[in-house]
Protein backbone atom coordinates (compact mmCIF):
# COMPACT_ATOMS: atom_id res chain seq x y z
CA MET A 1 0.04 0.00 0.01
CA LEU A 2 2.88 2.40 0.72
CA SER A 3 4.20 1.96 -2.84
CA ILE A 4 0.86 2.87 -4.29
CA SER A 5 0.64 5.86 -2.11
CA ALA A 6 4.13 6.92 -3.22
CA VAL A 7 3.03 6.66 -6.82
CA VAL A 8 -0.01 8.89 -6.06
CA PHE A 9 2.30 11.38 -4.28
CA PHE A 10 4.67 11.56 -7.32
CA ALA A 11 1.74 11.83 -9.74
CA GLY A 12 0.38 14.70 -7.62
CA TRP A 13 3.88 16.27 -7.68
CA ASP A 14 4.00 16.09 -11.43
CA GLY A 15 0.42 17.38 -11.57
CA ILE A 16 1.36 20.48 -9.60
CA ILE A 17 4.50 21.06 -11.70
CA ILE A 18 2.50 21.00 -14.95
CA ALA A 19 -0.59 22.75 -13.77
CA PHE A 20 1.13 25.68 -12.18
CA ASP A 21 4.39 25.61 -14.27
CA MET A 22 6.32 25.57 -11.08
CA ASN A 23 9.90 24.83 -9.92
CA LYS A 24 10.26 21.12 -8.97
CA VAL A 25 11.52 21.86 -5.41
CA ILE A 26 8.65 24.29 -4.61
CA ALA A 27 6.10 21.81 -6.11
CA PHE A 28 7.67 19.06 -3.94
CA ILE A 29 7.18 21.12 -0.84
CA ILE A 30 3.59 21.95 -1.84
CA ALA A 31 2.94 18.19 -2.52
CA LEU A 32 4.29 17.34 0.96
CA ILE A 33 1.92 19.94 2.48
CA LEU A 34 -0.96 18.47 0.47
CA LEU A 35 -0.39 15.14 2.11
CA GLU A 36 -2.50 16.59 4.88
CA PHE A 37 -5.34 17.18 2.31
CA PRO A 38 -5.70 13.91 0.43
CA ILE A 39 -8.57 14.97 -1.77
CA ILE A 40 -6.68 17.91 -3.20
CA LEU A 41 -3.56 15.70 -3.70
CA ALA A 42 -5.76 13.06 -5.44
CA VAL A 43 -7.05 15.71 -7.82
CA ALA A 44 -3.45 16.81 -8.54
CA ALA A 45 -2.44 13.18 -8.96
CA LEU A 46 -5.33 12.59 -11.45
CA TYR A 47 -4.17 15.60 -13.36
CA GLY A 48 -0.54 14.52 -13.29
CA ALA A 49 -1.23 10.97 -14.30
CA VAL A 50 -3.34 12.05 -17.23
CA ASN A 51 -1.28 15.00 -18.45
CA ALA A 52 2.33 14.27 -17.36
CA TRP A 53 2.40 10.53 -17.57
CA GLU A 54 -0.24 10.33 -20.40
CA TRP A 55 -2.27 7.65 -18.72
CA PRO A 56 -5.86 6.94 -19.78
CA ILE A 57 -8.42 8.59 -17.49
CA TRP A 58 -9.66 5.22 -16.16
CA GLY A 59 -6.17 4.27 -15.13
CA ALA A 60 -5.72 7.51 -13.32
CA ILE A 61 -9.05 7.13 -11.51
CA LEU A 62 -8.10 3.59 -10.45
CA LEU A 63 -4.74 4.94 -9.21
CA VAL A 64 -6.26 7.58 -6.93
CA MET A 65 -9.39 5.57 -5.89
CA TRP A 66 -7.62 2.49 -4.61
CA PRO A 67 -8.33 3.22 -0.87
CA LEU A 68 -12.05 3.28 -1.67
CA ALA A 69 -11.91 0.04 -3.63
CA PHE A 70 -9.81 -1.57 -0.84
CA THR A 71 -12.32 -0.45 1.83
CA ILE A 72 -15.27 -1.69 -0.17
CA ILE A 73 -13.57 -5.14 -0.60
CA VAL A 74 -12.45 -5.43 2.99
CA ASN A 75 -15.68 -4.15 4.58
CA GLY A 76 -18.10 -5.36 1.87
CA ILE A 77 -17.29 -9.09 1.83
CA PRO A 78 -18.05 -9.62 5.52
CA SER A 79 -21.16 -7.56 5.19
CA VAL A 80 -22.55 -9.74 2.32
CA PHE A 81 -21.86 -12.81 4.32
CA SER A 82 -23.64 -11.40 7.41
CA LEU A 83 -26.66 -10.58 5.28
CA PHE A 84 -27.16 -14.24 4.36
CA SER A 85 -26.26 -15.74 7.73
CA LEU A 86 -28.78 -18.36 9.02
CA SER A 87 -28.74 -16.94 12.55
CA ARG A 88 -30.71 -14.04 11.30
CA PHE A 89 -33.69 -16.20 10.27
CA LYS A 90 -33.88 -18.10 13.56
CA ASN A 91 -36.75 -17.21 15.94
């Protein structure tokens, strides 16, 4: 998970560089500050992945939305099994 987060960070860094035509060092500092604001960094990462790295939009969306997909998988599977448990139908 840490490696995917690092890729999102660097995509956001590249997104900041391209969007604001900024120096790499200043953009890196801004990207570090944006770690406190993950939604803004995710938008910058989406922009960076699409425009700097020339990824398709669906790949960039999957890159920045992996925590949501992970949460749905981890929390969703036990929820589905609890819906169909037999103990719920006992009187």
